[in-house]
Amino acid sequence: MTPTGTQSLRTDAQGSAAEPCVQRCNALRQVILIRGEGGCWITECPSLPGCAGQGRTREAAIESVREAIANHLEDLIACGLPVPEEHFDALILAV
């Protein structure tokens, strides 16, 4: 499983100037994968609020969130907004 979402980056009219920055600065993103109602899978990237994906299988959900992450990062860069860093802070508990 590859951890980056950079394979599906969109290209802009000037030849994808944002792509190298997205690949270099954000190679890894933590993703939460949860089994939803009806058997679908839901994914969320906590370091990018609102960035999520879904799919009928785990693989489809992971691919969906990869694309969402790549598009989200590209949009932040294109708008001149800061790209949040990933800190990989996670704690999973069963209570």
C-alpha atoms as a PDB file:
ATOM      1  CA  MET A   1       0.000   0.000   0.000  1.00  0.00           C
ATOM      2  CA  THR A   2       1.499   3.328  -0.995  1.00  0.00           C
ATOM      3  CA  PRO A   3       0.973   6.107   1.555  1.00  0.00           C
ATOM      4  CA  THR A   4       0.801   9.083  -0.783  1.00  0.00           C
ATOM      5  CA  GLY A   5      -2.110  10.531  -2.658  1.00  0.00           C
ATOM      6  CA  THR A   6       0.019  12.209  -5.269  1.00  0.00           C
ATOM      7  CA  GLN A   7      -0.558   9.807  -8.141  1.00  0.00           C
ATOM      8  CA  SER A   8      -3.829  11.473  -9.156  1.00  0.00           C
ATOM      9  CA  LEU A   9      -2.844  15.128  -9.006  1.00  0.00           C
ATOM     10  CA  ARG A  10      -4.640  17.438 -11.409  1.00  0.00           C
ATOM     11  CA  THR A  11      -2.532  19.482 -13.795  1.00  0.00           C
ATOM     12  CA  ASP A  12      -2.987  23.196 -14.208  1.00  0.00           C
ATOM     13  CA  ALA A  13      -2.582  25.341 -17.298  1.00  0.00           C
ATOM     14  CA  GLN A  14       1.036  26.153 -16.431  1.00  0.00           C
ATOM     15  CA  GLY A  15       2.151  22.537 -16.210  1.00  0.00           C
ATOM     16  CA  SER A  16       1.501  21.382 -12.609  1.00  0.00           C
ATOM     17  CA  ALA A  17       3.795  23.685 -10.656  1.00  0.00           C
ATOM     18  CA  ALA A  18       2.034  22.613  -7.444  1.00  0.00           C
ATOM     19  CA  GLU A  19       2.740  18.903  -7.917  1.00  0.00           C
ATOM     20  CA  PRO A  20       6.377  18.802  -6.700  1.00  0.00           C
ATOM     21  CA  CYS A  21       5.476  20.756  -3.546  1.00  0.00           C
ATOM     22  CA  VAL A  22       2.566  18.440  -2.762  1.00  0.00           C
ATOM     23  CA  GLN A  23       4.754  15.380  -3.230  1.00  0.00           C
ATOM     24  CA  ARG A  24       7.732  16.763  -1.308  1.00  0.00           C
ATOM     25  CA  CYS A  25       5.966  18.463   1.612  1.00  0.00           C
ATOM     26  CA  ASN A  26       3.148  16.005   2.258  1.00  0.00           C
ATOM     27  CA  ALA A  27       4.278  12.541   1.319  1.00  0.00           C
ATOM     28  CA  LEU A  28       2.467  10.866   4.232  1.00  0.00           C
ATOM     29  CA  ARG A  29      -0.904  11.615   5.789  1.00  0.00           C
ATOM     30  CA  GLN A  30      -2.591   9.791   8.652  1.00  0.00           C
ATOM     31  CA  VAL A  31      -6.004   8.431   7.652  1.00  0.00           C
ATOM     32  CA  ILE A  32      -8.760   6.944   9.789  1.00  0.00           C
ATOM     33  CA  LEU A  33     -10.669   4.058   8.205  1.00  0.00           C
ATOM     34  CA  ILE A  34     -14.033   3.144   9.731  1.00  0.00           C
ATOM     35  CA  ARG A  35     -16.646   0.585   8.751  1.00  0.00           C
ATOM     36  CA  GLY A  36     -19.862   2.531   8.160  1.00  0.00           C
ATOM     37  CA  GLU A  37     -23.501   1.552   8.145  1.00  0.00           C
ATOM     38  CA  GLY A  38     -24.494  -0.760   5.339  1.00  0.00           C
ATOM     39  CA  GLY A  39     -20.982  -2.165   5.061  1.00  0.00           C
ATOM     40  CA  CYS A  40     -19.325   0.765   3.306  1.00  0.00           C
ATOM     41  CA  TRP A  41     -15.958   2.132   4.441  1.00  0.00           C
ATOM     42  CA  ILE A  42     -15.422   5.748   5.452  1.00  0.00           C
ATOM     43  CA  THR A  43     -12.038   7.472   5.555  1.00  0.00           C
ATOM     44  CA  GLU A  44     -10.970  10.772   7.063  1.00  0.00           C
ATOM     45  CA  CYS A  45      -7.691  12.688   7.115  1.00  0.00           C
ATOM     46  CA  PRO A  46      -7.633  14.461  10.516  1.00  0.00           C
ATOM     47  CA  SER A  47      -4.834  16.880   9.584  1.00  0.00           C
ATOM     48  CA  LEU A  48      -6.924  18.205   6.668  1.00  0.00           C
ATOM     49  CA  PRO A  49     -10.347  19.095   8.112  1.00  0.00           C
ATOM     50  CA  GLY A  50     -13.166  18.106   5.800  1.00  0.00           C
ATOM     51  CA  CYS A  51     -10.956  15.817   3.726  1.00  0.00           C
ATOM     52  CA  ALA A  52     -12.676  12.430   3.553  1.00  0.00           C
ATOM     53  CA  GLY A  53     -13.505   9.560   1.252  1.00  0.00           C
ATOM     54  CA  GLN A  54     -15.646   6.453   1.089  1.00  0.00           C
ATOM     55  CA  GLY A  55     -15.980   3.198  -0.779  1.00  0.00           C
ATOM     56  CA  ARG A  56     -17.681  -0.155  -0.875  1.00  0.00           C
ATOM     57  CA  THR A  57     -14.359  -1.835  -0.086  1.00  0.00           C
ATOM     58  CA  ARG A  58     -11.401  -0.768   2.055  1.00  0.00           C
ATOM     59  CA  GLU A  59      -9.282  -0.436  -1.068  1.00  0.00           C
ATOM     60  CA  ALA A  60     -11.855   1.802  -2.780  1.00  0.00           C
ATOM     61  CA  ALA A  61     -12.145   3.985   0.337  1.00  0.00           C
ATOM     62  CA  ILE A  62      -8.358   4.335   0.573  1.00  0.00           C
ATOM     63  CA  GLU A  63      -8.111   5.295  -3.100  1.00  0.00           C
ATOM     64  CA  SER A  64     -10.944   7.783  -2.592  1.00  0.00           C
ATOM     65  CA  VAL A  65      -9.175   9.504   0.310  1.00  0.00           C
ATOM     66  CA  ARG A  66      -5.856   9.502  -1.595  1.00  0.00           C
ATOM     67  CA  GLU A  67      -7.522  11.480  -4.365  1.00  0.00           C
ATOM     68  CA  ALA A  68      -9.256  13.753  -1.848  1.00  0.00           C
ATOM     69  CA  ILE A  69      -5.936  14.474  -0.080  1.00  0.00           C
ATOM     70  CA  ALA A  70      -4.137  15.236  -3.345  1.00  0.00           C
ATOM     71  CA  ASN A  71      -6.928  17.555  -4.508  1.00  0.00           C
ATOM     72  CA  HIS A  72      -7.190  19.236  -1.109  1.00  0.00           C
ATOM     73  CA  LEU A  73      -3.442  19.927  -0.965  1.00  0.00           C
ATOM     74  CA  GLU A  74      -3.381  21.166  -4.536  1.00  0.00           C
ATOM     75  CA  ASP A  75      -6.272  23.533  -3.831  1.00  0.00           C
ATOM     76  CA  LEU A  76      -4.582  24.914  -0.699  1.00  0.00           C
ATOM     77  CA  ILE A  77      -1.399  25.591  -2.672  1.00  0.00           C
ATOM     78  CA  ALA A  78      -3.274  27.117  -5.608  1.00  0.00           C
ATOM     79  CA  CYS A  79      -5.090  29.499  -3.231  1.00  0.00           C
ATOM     80  CA  GLY A  80      -1.850  30.444  -1.467  1.00  0.00           C
ATOM     81  CA  LEU A  81      -3.049  28.960   1.838  1.00  0.00           C
ATOM     82  CA  PRO A  82      -0.730  27.198   4.301  1.00  0.00           C
ATOM     83  CA  VAL A  83      -0.577  23.409   4.110  1.00  0.00           C
ATOM     84  CA  PRO A  84      -1.052  21.875   7.582  1.00  0.00           C
ATOM     85  CA  GLU A  85       1.750  19.622   8.764  1.00  0.00           C
ATOM     86  CA  GLU A  86       1.063  16.018   9.671  1.00  0.00           C
ATOM     87  CA  HIS A  87       2.018  15.074  13.225  1.00  0.00           C
ATOM     88  CA  PHE A  88       0.853  11.436  13.317  1.00  0.00           C
ATOM     89  CA  ASP A  89      -0.755  11.863  16.724  1.00  0.00           C
ATOM     90  CA  ALA A  90      -3.214   9.036  17.227  1.00  0.00           C
ATOM     91  CA  LEU A  91      -4.487   7.074  20.139  1.00  0.00           C
ATOM     92  CA  ILE A  92      -6.990   4.275  19.665  1.00  0.00           C
ATOM     93  CA  LEU A  93      -8.821   3.021  22.736  1.00  0.00           C
ATOM     94  CA  ALA A  94     -11.399   0.348  23.367  1.00  0.00           C
ATOM     95  CA  VAL A  95     -13.452   1.344  26.377  1.00  0.00           C
END
